[in-house]
Amino acid sequence: MSLDQTTVEHVLVVPTLLFHEIGHFQGYTTNIEPYLETLLDPSYVSYRPRHEVEEDPSYKQLIPYCVFRHEGKVFYYRRGKESGEGRLHSKRSIGIGGHISSDDATSGSNVYQVAMKREIEEEVFLESGFSESCVALINDDQTDVGRVHLGIVHVFDLEAAKVRPRETSIIETGFEDPMQLVQSRDDFETWSQICLEFLNTGQK
């Protein structure tokens, strides 16, 4: 049986060359507007089979990466063996999020916001009011995972520290000061390492 769009997950991507034209960086940038204006432009995005683009660095998969924070402490967890991205198994993380799927595009509204909301609802129970802001972009071309993804970081400042795992792959959760978490930097996936660096530079 041939693989087609009904059986294979298609995810939103942009050409890596487009990202380089705007301005390549390694690590993070807080100069997000030039990137979002272009990278989320419908004329540049496409939906391609996930199994193909996971191994194709000529495309970047755009990933909402959501950090939950309460009174300066951030939500953290460890990725269990059932995590969808095998290359990140057993790594600790401070980010919740995932791919933007072609299914999200059928909603008739802002596909990026729809995908971000869906990913949060799939992974955790968020039981607090919050204010949300998009604060940075993350790029890491030094790992196999990073070469094919581009992270868009959103900080959710919560009214209460009420985040519980919904997925069984999210284990060993809690809230902790970023200054404490960075002491165990090597336990975290690379994007979270970059995020912790960002948060510890005084991001409010």
N, C-alpha and C. Protein backbone atom coordinates (compact mmCIF):
# COMPACT_ATOMS: atom_id res chain seq x y z
N MET A 1 0.86 -1.19 0.00
CA MET A 1 0.00 0.00 0.00
C MET A 1 0.89 1.23 0.00
N SER A 2 0.59 2.21 -0.81
CA SER A 2 1.40 3.41 -0.89
C SER A 2 1.10 4.33 0.29
N LEU A 3 2.13 5.08 0.68
CA LEU A 3 1.94 6.06 1.75
C LEU A 3 1.34 7.31 1.15
N ASP A 4 0.31 7.84 1.77
CA ASP A 4 -0.26 9.09 1.28
C ASP A 4 -0.65 9.96 2.47
N GLN A 5 -1.28 11.08 2.17
CA GLN A 5 -1.55 12.06 3.22
C GLN A 5 -2.56 11.55 4.25
N THR A 6 -3.29 10.50 3.93
CA THR A 6 -4.27 9.99 4.89
C THR A 6 -3.62 9.06 5.91
N THR A 7 -2.44 8.54 5.60
CA THR A 7 -1.81 7.58 6.51
C THR A 7 -0.52 8.10 7.14
N VAL A 8 0.03 9.17 6.60
CA VAL A 8 1.30 9.70 7.07
C VAL A 8 1.10 11.10 7.63
N GLU A 9 1.66 11.35 8.80
CA GLU A 9 1.57 12.69 9.39
C GLU A 9 2.37 13.68 8.55
N HIS A 10 1.73 14.76 8.16
CA HIS A 10 2.39 15.84 7.44
C HIS A 10 2.55 17.03 8.39
N VAL A 11 3.77 17.57 8.45
CA VAL A 11 4.06 18.64 9.40
C VAL A 11 4.52 19.89 8.66
N LEU A 12 4.31 21.02 9.31
CA LEU A 12 4.64 22.31 8.72
C LEU A 12 6.16 22.51 8.72
N VAL A 13 6.68 22.92 7.57
CA VAL A 13 8.12 23.19 7.44
C VAL A 13 8.32 24.47 6.64
N VAL A 14 9.53 25.03 6.79
CA VAL A 14 9.99 26.13 5.94
C VAL A 14 11.37 25.74 5.42
N PRO A 15 11.77 26.27 4.26
CA PRO A 15 13.11 25.96 3.76
C PRO A 15 14.19 26.51 4.70
N THR A 16 15.18 25.70 4.99
CA THR A 16 16.27 26.15 5.85
C THR A 16 16.97 27.36 5.24
N LEU A 17 17.06 27.42 3.93
CA LEU A 17 17.68 28.56 3.26
C LEU A 17 16.95 29.87 3.57
N LEU A 18 15.62 29.79 3.72
CA LEU A 18 14.85 30.98 4.07
C LEU A 18 15.24 31.48 5.45
N PHE A 19 15.38 30.55 6.38
CA PHE A 19 15.84 30.89 7.73
C PHE A 19 17.21 31.56 7.67
N HIS A 20 18.10 31.04 6.84
CA HIS A 20 19.44 31.61 6.72
C HIS A 20 19.40 33.01 6.10
N GLU A 21 18.46 33.22 5.17
CA GLU A 21 18.34 34.53 4.54
C GLU A 21 17.92 35.59 5.55
N ILE A 22 17.04 35.23 6.46
CA ILE A 22 16.61 36.19 7.49
C ILE A 22 17.77 36.47 8.44
N GLY A 23 18.51 35.43 8.76
CA GLY A 23 19.66 35.58 9.64
C GLY A 23 19.89 34.33 10.48
N HIS A 24 20.88 33.53 10.07
CA HIS A 24 21.18 32.31 10.81
C HIS A 24 21.78 32.65 12.18
N PHE A 25 21.43 31.87 13.19
CA PHE A 25 22.04 32.00 14.51
C PHE A 25 22.11 30.62 15.14
N GLN A 26 23.02 30.46 16.06
CA GLN A 26 23.14 29.24 16.86
C GLN A 26 22.83 29.63 18.30
N GLY A 27 21.89 28.90 18.92
CA GLY A 27 21.48 29.24 20.29
C GLY A 27 20.11 29.88 20.28
N TYR A 28 20.03 31.13 20.73
CA TYR A 28 18.72 31.79 20.73
C TYR A 28 18.83 33.24 20.28
N THR A 29 17.71 33.79 19.86
CA THR A 29 17.60 35.20 19.57
C THR A 29 16.29 35.72 20.13
N THR A 30 16.32 36.96 20.63
CA THR A 30 15.08 37.60 21.09
C THR A 30 14.52 38.55 20.03
N ASN A 31 15.21 38.65 18.91
CA ASN A 31 14.74 39.49 17.81
C ASN A 31 13.80 38.67 16.94
N ILE A 32 12.60 38.42 17.48
CA ILE A 32 11.72 37.42 16.88
C ILE A 32 10.88 37.92 15.71
N GLU A 33 10.57 39.21 15.66
CA GLU A 33 9.59 39.70 14.68
C GLU A 33 9.99 39.44 13.22
N PRO A 34 11.25 39.71 12.82
CA PRO A 34 11.59 39.46 11.41
C PRO A 34 11.42 37.99 11.02
N TYR A 35 11.67 37.10 11.97
CA TYR A 35 11.55 35.67 11.69
C TYR A 35 10.10 35.24 11.59
N LEU A 36 9.29 35.62 12.58
CA LEU A 36 7.89 35.18 12.59
C LEU A 36 7.12 35.73 11.40
N GLU A 37 7.43 36.98 11.04
CA GLU A 37 6.72 37.61 9.93
C GLU A 37 6.93 36.83 8.64
N THR A 38 8.13 36.32 8.45
CA THR A 38 8.45 35.60 7.22
C THR A 38 8.17 34.10 7.33
N LEU A 39 8.62 33.49 8.43
CA LEU A 39 8.53 32.04 8.54
C LEU A 39 7.10 31.53 8.66
N LEU A 40 6.19 32.37 9.17
CA LEU A 40 4.79 31.96 9.29
C LEU A 40 3.93 32.47 8.12
N ASP A 41 4.57 33.08 7.14
CA ASP A 41 3.87 33.54 5.95
C ASP A 41 3.40 32.32 5.15
N PRO A 42 2.10 32.19 4.90
CA PRO A 42 1.57 31.02 4.19
C PRO A 42 2.24 30.77 2.84
N SER A 43 2.82 31.80 2.23
CA SER A 43 3.44 31.62 0.92
C SER A 43 4.77 30.87 1.01
N TYR A 44 5.32 30.75 2.24
CA TYR A 44 6.61 30.08 2.40
C TYR A 44 6.49 28.70 3.06
N VAL A 45 5.42 28.45 3.78
CA VAL A 45 5.32 27.18 4.51
C VAL A 45 4.74 26.09 3.61
N SER A 46 5.04 24.85 3.97
CA SER A 46 4.43 23.70 3.31
C SER A 46 4.29 22.59 4.33
N TYR A 47 3.51 21.59 3.98
CA TYR A 47 3.32 20.42 4.86
C TYR A 47 3.92 19.21 4.15
N ARG A 48 4.87 18.58 4.82
CA ARG A 48 5.59 17.46 4.21
C ARG A 48 5.59 16.27 5.17
N PRO A 49 5.74 15.05 4.64
CA PRO A 49 5.72 13.86 5.49
C PRO A 49 6.78 13.95 6.59
N ARG A 50 6.34 13.74 7.81
CA ARG A 50 7.24 13.90 8.95
C ARG A 50 8.44 12.97 8.86
N HIS A 51 8.21 11.73 8.44
CA HIS A 51 9.31 10.77 8.41
C HIS A 51 10.40 11.18 7.42
N GLU A 52 10.03 12.00 6.43
CA GLU A 52 11.03 12.48 5.46
C GLU A 52 11.80 13.67 6.00
N VAL A 53 11.09 14.65 6.56
CA VAL A 53 11.78 15.88 6.98
C VAL A 53 12.57 15.70 8.27
N GLU A 54 12.26 14.64 9.04
CA GLU A 54 13.06 14.39 10.25
C GLU A 54 14.52 14.09 9.90
N GLU A 55 14.76 13.69 8.66
CA GLU A 55 16.12 13.36 8.23
C GLU A 55 16.62 14.30 7.13
N ASP A 56 15.93 15.42 6.92
CA ASP A 56 16.26 16.32 5.81
C ASP A 56 16.54 17.73 6.32
N PRO A 57 17.82 18.09 6.53
CA PRO A 57 18.14 19.41 7.08
C PRO A 57 17.92 20.57 6.12
N SER A 58 17.43 20.29 4.90
CA SER A 58 17.10 21.40 4.01
C SER A 58 15.77 22.05 4.39
N TYR A 59 15.07 21.44 5.35
CA TYR A 59 13.83 22.02 5.88
C TYR A 59 13.93 22.14 7.40
N LYS A 60 13.29 23.18 7.92
CA LYS A 60 13.15 23.36 9.36
C LYS A 60 11.68 23.17 9.73
N GLN A 61 11.42 22.28 10.69
CA GLN A 61 10.08 22.12 11.23
C GLN A 61 9.89 23.15 12.35
N LEU A 62 8.84 23.95 12.26
CA LEU A 62 8.59 24.98 13.28
C LEU A 62 7.87 24.36 14.47
N ILE A 63 8.41 24.58 15.67
CA ILE A 63 7.90 23.95 16.87
C ILE A 63 7.58 24.99 17.94
N PRO A 64 6.30 25.16 18.34
CA PRO A 64 6.01 25.97 19.53
C PRO A 64 6.61 25.26 20.75
N TYR A 65 7.35 26.00 21.57
CA TYR A 65 8.05 25.43 22.73
C TYR A 65 7.64 26.25 23.93
N CYS A 66 6.75 25.69 24.75
CA CYS A 66 6.06 26.44 25.80
C CYS A 66 6.67 26.17 27.17
N VAL A 67 7.06 27.25 27.85
CA VAL A 67 7.65 27.18 29.18
C VAL A 67 6.64 27.75 30.18
N PHE A 68 6.33 26.95 31.22
CA PHE A 68 5.38 27.37 32.24
C PHE A 68 6.15 27.86 33.47
N ARG A 69 5.80 29.07 33.94
CA ARG A 69 6.54 29.69 35.02
C ARG A 69 5.58 30.25 36.07
N HIS A 70 5.94 30.06 37.33
CA HIS A 70 5.16 30.62 38.44
C HIS A 70 6.11 31.17 39.49
N GLU A 71 6.00 32.47 39.74
CA GLU A 71 6.83 33.15 40.72
C GLU A 71 8.32 32.83 40.53
N GLY A 72 8.74 32.85 39.26
CA GLY A 72 10.15 32.66 38.94
C GLY A 72 10.58 31.23 38.77
N LYS A 73 9.77 30.28 39.19
CA LYS A 73 10.11 28.86 39.06
C LYS A 73 9.45 28.30 37.80
N VAL A 74 10.17 27.42 37.10
CA VAL A 74 9.66 26.87 35.85
C VAL A 74 9.32 25.39 35.98
N PHE A 75 8.33 24.97 35.22
CA PHE A 75 7.92 23.58 35.17
C PHE A 75 8.99 22.76 34.44
N TYR A 76 9.31 21.60 35.01
CA TYR A 76 10.27 20.71 34.37
C TYR A 76 9.74 19.29 34.43
N TYR A 77 10.32 18.42 33.59
CA TYR A 77 9.93 17.02 33.58
C TYR A 77 11.01 16.20 32.91
N ARG A 78 10.88 14.89 32.96
CA ARG A 78 11.75 14.00 32.21
C ARG A 78 10.93 13.28 31.15
N ARG A 79 11.53 13.10 29.98
CA ARG A 79 10.85 12.39 28.89
C ARG A 79 11.00 10.89 29.11
N GLY A 80 9.89 10.18 29.28
CA GLY A 80 9.94 8.74 29.45
C GLY A 80 10.18 8.03 28.13
N LYS A 81 10.24 6.72 28.18
CA LYS A 81 10.57 5.93 26.99
C LYS A 81 9.47 5.94 25.94
N GLU A 82 8.28 6.41 26.34
CA GLU A 82 7.18 6.47 25.38
C GLU A 82 7.14 7.80 24.64
N SER A 83 8.12 8.64 24.89
CA SER A 83 8.18 9.94 24.21
C SER A 83 8.22 9.76 22.71
N GLY A 84 7.54 10.66 21.99
CA GLY A 84 7.45 10.53 20.54
C GLY A 84 8.78 10.68 19.82
N GLU A 85 9.69 11.49 20.35
CA GLU A 85 10.99 11.71 19.72
C GLU A 85 12.03 10.84 20.41
N GLY A 86 12.35 9.70 19.76
CA GLY A 86 13.24 8.73 20.37
C GLY A 86 14.61 9.27 20.73
N ARG A 87 15.06 10.29 19.98
CA ARG A 87 16.38 10.84 20.22
C ARG A 87 16.45 11.65 21.51
N LEU A 88 15.28 11.89 22.14
CA LEU A 88 15.25 12.68 23.37
C LEU A 88 14.85 11.86 24.60
N HIS A 89 14.71 10.55 24.44
CA HIS A 89 14.30 9.70 25.55
C HIS A 89 15.22 9.91 26.76
N SER A 90 14.61 9.95 27.95
CA SER A 90 15.28 10.06 29.25
C SER A 90 15.87 11.43 29.51
N LYS A 91 15.79 12.36 28.56
CA LYS A 91 16.28 13.71 28.79
C LYS A 91 15.26 14.52 29.60
N ARG A 92 15.77 15.42 30.42
CA ARG A 92 14.89 16.35 31.12
C ARG A 92 14.58 17.53 30.20
N SER A 93 13.45 18.20 30.48
CA SER A 93 13.00 19.28 29.61
C SER A 93 12.23 20.31 30.41
N ILE A 94 12.22 21.55 29.92
CA ILE A 94 11.33 22.57 30.48
C ILE A 94 10.33 23.05 29.43
N GLY A 95 10.31 22.39 28.26
CA GLY A 95 9.44 22.83 27.18
C GLY A 95 8.35 21.83 26.84
N ILE A 96 7.15 22.34 26.64
CA ILE A 96 6.02 21.54 26.17
C ILE A 96 5.66 22.05 24.78
N GLY A 97 5.47 21.14 23.84
CA GLY A 97 5.10 21.57 22.50
C GLY A 97 5.35 20.47 21.49
N GLY A 98 5.17 20.80 20.22
CA GLY A 98 5.36 19.79 19.20
C GLY A 98 5.08 20.34 17.82
N HIS A 99 4.97 19.43 16.88
CA HIS A 99 4.84 19.79 15.49
C HIS A 99 3.50 20.44 15.17
N ILE A 100 3.51 21.25 14.13
CA ILE A 100 2.28 21.80 13.56
C ILE A 100 1.87 20.87 12.43
N SER A 101 0.71 20.27 12.57
CA SER A 101 0.26 19.24 11.64
C SER A 101 -0.69 19.82 10.59
N SER A 102 -0.74 19.13 9.45
CA SER A 102 -1.69 19.54 8.41
C SER A 102 -3.12 19.47 8.93
N ASP A 103 -3.38 18.60 9.93
CA ASP A 103 -4.71 18.53 10.52
C ASP A 103 -5.08 19.84 11.22
N ASP A 104 -4.09 20.54 11.76
CA ASP A 104 -4.36 21.81 12.42
C ASP A 104 -4.84 22.87 11.43
N ALA A 105 -4.44 22.71 10.18
CA ALA A 105 -4.77 23.70 9.16
C ALA A 105 -6.23 23.65 8.74
N THR A 106 -6.96 22.61 9.18
CA THR A 106 -8.37 22.48 8.78
C THR A 106 -9.30 23.25 9.72
N SER A 107 -8.73 23.89 10.73
CA SER A 107 -9.57 24.55 11.74
C SER A 107 -10.20 25.85 11.24
N GLY A 108 -9.59 26.45 10.20
CA GLY A 108 -10.12 27.70 9.68
C GLY A 108 -9.66 28.93 10.44
N SER A 109 -8.81 28.74 11.48
CA SER A 109 -8.29 29.88 12.21
C SER A 109 -6.77 29.82 12.20
N ASN A 110 -6.12 30.60 13.04
CA ASN A 110 -4.66 30.68 13.07
C ASN A 110 -4.05 29.32 13.35
N VAL A 111 -3.45 28.71 12.33
CA VAL A 111 -2.98 27.33 12.44
C VAL A 111 -1.90 27.20 13.51
N TYR A 112 -1.05 28.20 13.64
CA TYR A 112 0.02 28.12 14.63
C TYR A 112 -0.55 28.09 16.05
N GLN A 113 -1.49 28.99 16.34
CA GLN A 113 -2.11 29.04 17.67
C GLN A 113 -2.91 27.78 17.95
N VAL A 114 -3.59 27.27 16.93
CA VAL A 114 -4.36 26.03 17.08
C VAL A 114 -3.43 24.88 17.45
N ALA A 115 -2.29 24.78 16.76
CA ALA A 115 -1.35 23.70 17.01
C ALA A 115 -0.75 23.82 18.41
N MET A 116 -0.40 25.03 18.81
CA MET A 116 0.20 25.22 20.14
C MET A 116 -0.80 24.81 21.23
N LYS A 117 -2.04 25.24 21.09
CA LYS A 117 -3.06 24.89 22.08
C LYS A 117 -3.30 23.38 22.11
N ARG A 118 -3.32 22.76 20.94
CA ARG A 118 -3.52 21.30 20.87
C ARG A 118 -2.39 20.56 21.56
N GLU A 119 -1.16 20.96 21.30
CA GLU A 119 -0.01 20.28 21.89
C GLU A 119 -0.03 20.39 23.41
N ILE A 120 -0.35 21.57 23.93
CA ILE A 120 -0.43 21.74 25.39
C ILE A 120 -1.50 20.82 25.96
N GLU A 121 -2.67 20.81 25.32
CA GLU A 121 -3.79 20.01 25.83
C GLU A 121 -3.51 18.52 25.72
N GLU A 122 -2.71 18.09 24.76
CA GLU A 122 -2.37 16.68 24.62
C GLU A 122 -1.36 16.23 25.68
N GLU A 123 -0.49 17.14 26.09
CA GLU A 123 0.63 16.74 26.94
C GLU A 123 0.42 16.98 28.42
N VAL A 124 -0.30 18.06 28.80
CA VAL A 124 -0.46 18.38 30.22
C VAL A 124 -1.87 18.88 30.52
N PHE A 125 -2.20 18.85 31.80
CA PHE A 125 -3.38 19.55 32.32
C PHE A 125 -2.89 20.89 32.84
N LEU A 126 -3.26 21.97 32.17
CA LEU A 126 -2.90 23.32 32.59
C LEU A 126 -4.08 23.89 33.35
N GLU A 127 -3.95 23.92 34.70
CA GLU A 127 -5.09 24.23 35.56
C GLU A 127 -4.90 25.57 36.27
N SER A 128 -4.45 26.55 35.53
CA SER A 128 -4.22 27.87 36.09
C SER A 128 -4.46 28.92 35.03
N GLY A 129 -4.88 30.10 35.48
CA GLY A 129 -4.90 31.24 34.58
C GLY A 129 -3.46 31.63 34.25
N PHE A 130 -3.27 32.37 33.15
CA PHE A 130 -1.91 32.71 32.76
C PHE A 130 -1.90 33.92 31.84
N SER A 131 -0.74 34.52 31.71
CA SER A 131 -0.45 35.46 30.63
C SER A 131 0.67 34.85 29.80
N GLU A 132 0.59 35.02 28.50
CA GLU A 132 1.54 34.34 27.61
C GLU A 132 2.24 35.34 26.71
N SER A 133 3.52 35.12 26.46
CA SER A 133 4.26 35.98 25.54
C SER A 133 5.28 35.15 24.76
N CYS A 134 5.45 35.50 23.50
CA CYS A 134 6.47 34.87 22.66
C CYS A 134 7.76 35.66 22.87
N VAL A 135 8.82 34.97 23.30
CA VAL A 135 9.99 35.69 23.80
C VAL A 135 11.28 35.41 23.03
N ALA A 136 11.38 34.30 22.31
CA ALA A 136 12.66 33.96 21.67
C ALA A 136 12.47 32.87 20.63
N LEU A 137 13.49 32.71 19.80
CA LEU A 137 13.60 31.57 18.89
C LEU A 137 14.85 30.79 19.27
N ILE A 138 14.77 29.47 19.10
CA ILE A 138 15.89 28.59 19.42
C ILE A 138 16.30 27.84 18.16
N ASN A 139 17.62 27.83 17.90
CA ASN A 139 18.15 27.01 16.81
C ASN A 139 19.41 26.31 17.30
N ASP A 140 19.50 25.02 16.99
CA ASP A 140 20.66 24.24 17.40
C ASP A 140 21.07 23.31 16.26
N ASP A 141 22.06 23.72 15.49
CA ASP A 141 22.51 22.92 14.36
C ASP A 141 23.59 21.92 14.75
N GLN A 142 23.84 21.76 16.04
CA GLN A 142 24.91 20.88 16.50
C GLN A 142 24.41 19.49 16.89
N THR A 143 23.09 19.27 16.81
CA THR A 143 22.53 17.94 17.09
C THR A 143 21.64 17.52 15.93
N ASP A 144 21.42 16.20 15.79
CA ASP A 144 20.58 15.68 14.72
C ASP A 144 19.15 16.20 14.82
N VAL A 145 18.64 16.27 16.06
CA VAL A 145 17.27 16.78 16.26
C VAL A 145 17.22 18.26 15.91
N GLY A 146 18.18 19.02 16.41
CA GLY A 146 18.17 20.46 16.23
C GLY A 146 18.29 20.89 14.78
N ARG A 147 19.03 20.14 13.99
CA ARG A 147 19.26 20.53 12.59
C ARG A 147 17.98 20.60 11.77
N VAL A 148 16.96 19.87 12.19
CA VAL A 148 15.73 19.82 11.39
C VAL A 148 14.55 20.51 12.08
N HIS A 149 14.81 21.21 13.19
CA HIS A 149 13.75 21.91 13.91
C HIS A 149 14.15 23.35 14.23
N LEU A 150 13.15 24.20 14.40
CA LEU A 150 13.36 25.57 14.86
C LEU A 150 12.31 25.85 15.94
N GLY A 151 12.76 26.20 17.13
CA GLY A 151 11.85 26.38 18.25
C GLY A 151 11.40 27.83 18.41
N ILE A 152 10.12 28.00 18.68
CA ILE A 152 9.55 29.32 18.96
C ILE A 152 9.11 29.29 20.43
N VAL A 153 9.79 30.05 21.27
CA VAL A 153 9.63 29.94 22.72
C VAL A 153 8.54 30.86 23.22
N HIS A 154 7.59 30.28 23.95
CA HIS A 154 6.52 31.04 24.60
C HIS A 154 6.63 30.82 26.10
N VAL A 155 6.59 31.91 26.87
CA VAL A 155 6.59 31.80 28.33
C VAL A 155 5.16 32.06 28.82
N PHE A 156 4.64 31.11 29.60
CA PHE A 156 3.33 31.23 30.21
C PHE A 156 3.55 31.54 31.69
N ASP A 157 3.25 32.75 32.11
CA ASP A 157 3.34 33.11 33.52
C ASP A 157 2.01 32.75 34.19
N LEU A 158 2.09 31.78 35.10
CA LEU A 158 0.89 31.18 35.69
C LEU A 158 0.49 31.87 36.98
N GLU A 159 -0.82 31.88 37.24
CA GLU A 159 -1.32 32.40 38.52
C GLU A 159 -1.09 31.41 39.64
N ALA A 160 -0.98 30.13 39.31
CA ALA A 160 -0.71 29.08 40.30
C ALA A 160 0.13 28.00 39.65
N ALA A 161 0.93 27.31 40.45
CA ALA A 161 1.83 26.26 39.92
C ALA A 161 1.04 24.97 39.73
N LYS A 162 0.09 25.02 38.80
CA LYS A 162 -0.80 23.88 38.58
C LYS A 162 -0.68 23.37 37.15
N VAL A 163 0.32 22.51 36.95
CA VAL A 163 0.52 21.82 35.67
C VAL A 163 0.74 20.35 36.00
N ARG A 164 -0.08 19.48 35.42
CA ARG A 164 0.05 18.04 35.66
C ARG A 164 0.22 17.32 34.33
N PRO A 165 1.01 16.25 34.32
CA PRO A 165 1.19 15.51 33.06
C PRO A 165 -0.09 14.80 32.64
N ARG A 166 -0.36 14.86 31.35
CA ARG A 166 -1.46 14.08 30.78
C ARG A 166 -0.89 12.85 30.06
N GLU A 167 0.24 13.03 29.40
CA GLU A 167 0.88 11.92 28.70
C GLU A 167 1.72 11.10 29.67
N THR A 168 1.72 9.79 29.48
CA THR A 168 2.50 8.91 30.35
C THR A 168 4.00 9.08 30.12
N SER A 169 4.39 9.70 29.01
CA SER A 169 5.81 9.91 28.72
C SER A 169 6.39 11.09 29.49
N ILE A 170 5.54 11.85 30.19
CA ILE A 170 6.01 12.99 30.98
C ILE A 170 6.08 12.57 32.44
N ILE A 171 7.30 12.45 32.96
CA ILE A 171 7.50 11.92 34.31
C ILE A 171 8.41 12.85 35.11
N GLU A 172 8.48 12.62 36.42
CA GLU A 172 9.39 13.34 37.32
C GLU A 172 9.23 14.86 37.16
N THR A 173 8.01 15.33 37.37
CA THR A 173 7.70 16.73 37.14
C THR A 173 7.86 17.57 38.40
N GLY A 174 7.89 18.88 38.22
CA GLY A 174 7.94 19.81 39.34
C GLY A 174 8.19 21.22 38.86
N PHE A 175 8.31 22.14 39.80
CA PHE A 175 8.68 23.53 39.50
C PHE A 175 9.97 23.83 40.25
N GLU A 176 10.90 24.53 39.59
CA GLU A 176 12.17 24.86 40.23
C GLU A 176 12.74 26.14 39.63
N ASP A 177 13.55 26.82 40.42
CA ASP A 177 14.23 28.02 39.94
C ASP A 177 15.20 27.64 38.81
N PRO A 178 15.20 28.40 37.70
CA PRO A 178 16.12 28.09 36.61
C PRO A 178 17.58 28.05 37.04
N MET A 179 17.94 28.84 38.03
CA MET A 179 19.32 28.84 38.51
C MET A 179 19.68 27.50 39.14
N GLN A 180 18.70 26.84 39.72
CA GLN A 180 18.94 25.50 40.29
C GLN A 180 18.99 24.44 39.19
N LEU A 181 18.08 24.55 38.23
CA LEU A 181 18.02 23.56 37.15
C LEU A 181 19.29 23.57 36.31
N VAL A 182 19.87 24.74 36.12
CA VAL A 182 21.06 24.83 35.27
C VAL A 182 22.25 24.11 35.91
N GLN A 183 22.16 23.84 37.20
CA GLN A 183 23.21 23.06 37.86
C GLN A 183 23.27 21.63 37.32
N SER A 184 22.12 21.18 36.78
CA SER A 184 22.06 19.83 36.17
C SER A 184 21.92 19.95 34.66
N ARG A 185 22.59 20.93 34.09
CA ARG A 185 22.43 21.29 32.68
C ARG A 185 22.54 20.10 31.73
N ASP A 186 23.49 19.23 31.96
CA ASP A 186 23.74 18.13 31.02
C ASP A 186 22.63 17.09 31.01
N ASP A 187 21.74 17.11 32.02
CA ASP A 187 20.61 16.19 32.04
C ASP A 187 19.50 16.62 31.09
N PHE A 188 19.55 17.87 30.64
CA PHE A 188 18.46 18.44 29.85
C PHE A 188 18.74 18.34 28.36
N GLU A 189 17.64 18.23 27.58
CA GLU A 189 17.76 18.30 26.14
C GLU A 189 18.34 19.66 25.75
N THR A 190 18.94 19.71 24.57
CA THR A 190 19.69 20.91 24.19
C THR A 190 18.82 22.17 24.18
N TRP A 191 17.61 22.07 23.66
CA TRP A 191 16.74 23.26 23.64
C TRP A 191 16.48 23.79 25.05
N SER A 192 16.30 22.88 26.00
CA SER A 192 16.08 23.33 27.37
C SER A 192 17.34 23.95 27.96
N GLN A 193 18.49 23.42 27.60
CA GLN A 193 19.74 24.04 28.03
C GLN A 193 19.82 25.48 27.54
N ILE A 194 19.45 25.68 26.27
CA ILE A 194 19.47 27.03 25.68
C ILE A 194 18.44 27.91 26.37
N CYS A 195 17.24 27.35 26.65
CA CYS A 195 16.19 28.10 27.33
C CYS A 195 16.62 28.51 28.74
N LEU A 196 17.25 27.62 29.44
CA LEU A 196 17.70 27.93 30.80
C LEU A 196 18.73 29.05 30.77
N GLU A 197 19.61 29.01 29.79
CA GLU A 197 20.58 30.10 29.62
C GLU A 197 19.84 31.43 29.40
N PHE A 198 18.84 31.38 28.53
CA PHE A 198 18.04 32.57 28.23
C PHE A 198 17.32 33.09 29.47
N LEU A 199 16.67 32.18 30.19
CA LEU A 199 15.91 32.58 31.37
C LEU A 199 16.81 33.12 32.47
N ASN A 200 18.02 32.62 32.55
CA ASN A 200 18.95 33.06 33.59
C ASN A 200 19.68 34.34 33.25
N THR A 201 19.41 34.89 32.05
CA THR A 201 20.01 36.19 31.70
C THR A 201 19.12 37.35 32.12
N GLY A 202 18.02 37.01 32.82
CA GLY A 202 17.17 38.08 33.34
C GLY A 202 15.86 38.26 32.61
N GLN A 203 15.44 37.26 31.80
CA GLN A 203 14.15 37.33 31.12
C GLN A 203 13.04 37.42 32.16
N LYS A 204 12.19 38.44 32.01
CA LYS A 204 11.08 38.68 32.96
C LYS A 204 9.74 38.29 32.34
